Amino acid sequence: MRLGIVTHNVIKGDGQGRVNYEIAQEAIRRGHRVILLASQVAPELQQSEQVNWVAISVKQWPTELLRNLIFAFISANWLHKHRSQVDLVKINGAITHASGDVNAVHFVHSSWLNFSSSKAQSNSAKTTRSRRIFYNFYQWLYTVLNARWEKKAFRRARVVVAVSSRVAEDLQAIGVAPERIRVIVNGVDLQEFSPGNNQRSRWGLPAGVPLALFAGDIRISRKNLDTVLKALVNVPDLHLAVAGITEGSPYLQLAQSLGLDERVHFLGLRRDVPELMKAVDFFVFPSRYEPFGLVVIEAMASGLPVITASSTGAADLLTPESGIVLADSDDVEALAQALSLLASDRTLREQMGQVARTIAEQHSWTNMAQRYIDLFEELHQ
């Protein structure tokens, strides 16, 4: 089979890029040829005789929206001219103007528009700065256009892959027939993310106290750090490490106003999250809207109990023995109770962490990639 993959990046250090990297590697292992229409490709894939890289350079364009538009046009033009050279095409969302046989969906923009205009907008977290970040014209235009384009892309695909049952529900809500949807959850690197016990002093974090970790984009309200901070007020013995870009974030000021200066530790953007996870006691991530949430399964693989919300796709993976799933991401009282429970019970944390690791071991990147290639081979028959 000659498999075409249209994606911006095919590298390990990128969400969708990592998914497509693993798919390409599994396709090679099974003897298939791979045509990559991408801007960036990992060197080891470039060196494979089974890989043909069609390089699409868009970095010279000034905005992400414009870069995506140019990429979509160039990739569609190549596929129009060379479609006979490809047996099956996999795309992500509205990444190209060409049709894809399989469209793997990591984010449904129309669902986020609906969600943000109701719950997220009405939540008290909408500080002046966070409102300005989300509702500036560029972000609005980017989301609206993607919502329109992706609906057309989903209609043209033979199969639409959802990365969680949450995404599958979102797809059905915009008219994708259930029989055209397959759910394939993302994977995790079980070697990179594994249980351990690192010294907290490496990050300037306090020893001898219960310590939770939050990791994500803290410049936006969607990740829901504000609710975590408000809940933390009611759990006086718990400290919180926060990994994420602090520039432009309203939450440093919120933490200060809540009197949490000494218990909330803003670490900035971290490239060593796998190591950081070995230094904390549990992970908290009650995102308001998260189609999957790689960071959740990464925490599970690290042997950490997880507190998340039903609005996070990766909550599908959690059981009552491995973590706590909140029915409402904005329920401060319920979150405070969950934080207090894990902060006060080391034995429970250890038991939950062991179960979380066992669950994560069923979702390696290889297992995920095998499911994709199984689907491609089924469609190619």
Foldseek 3Di string as FASTA:
>chain_A
DEEEEEDAACDCPDDVNNLNVLLLVVCVVVPAAYEYAYQYYDPVQVPDPSYHYDHDDQVVDDDPLVSQVSSQDVVQVVCVVCVVVGLFYEYEFLSHPHAGQEYEYFDQLVVVVVLCVPDVVPDPVPDVLQCCVCPDPVNVVSSVVSNVRRLVRLVRYQAYEAQFVLVLVVNVVSPRDNVRYHYFHAADALVLAAAAADDPVVQPDDPPFAEEEEEDAQLHCQQPVLLVLLLVLLQVRYAYEYAHAPVNHPVVVVNVVSVNVPRYHYRYHDPNVSVVLNHHLAYETAGNAGSAPPVVLSNLSRLWAYEYEPNHRVCVLDDPLQYHYHPHSNPSNVSSVRVNVSRVDSVSGNRNSVVSSVSSVCGHSNNSSVVVVVVVVVVSD
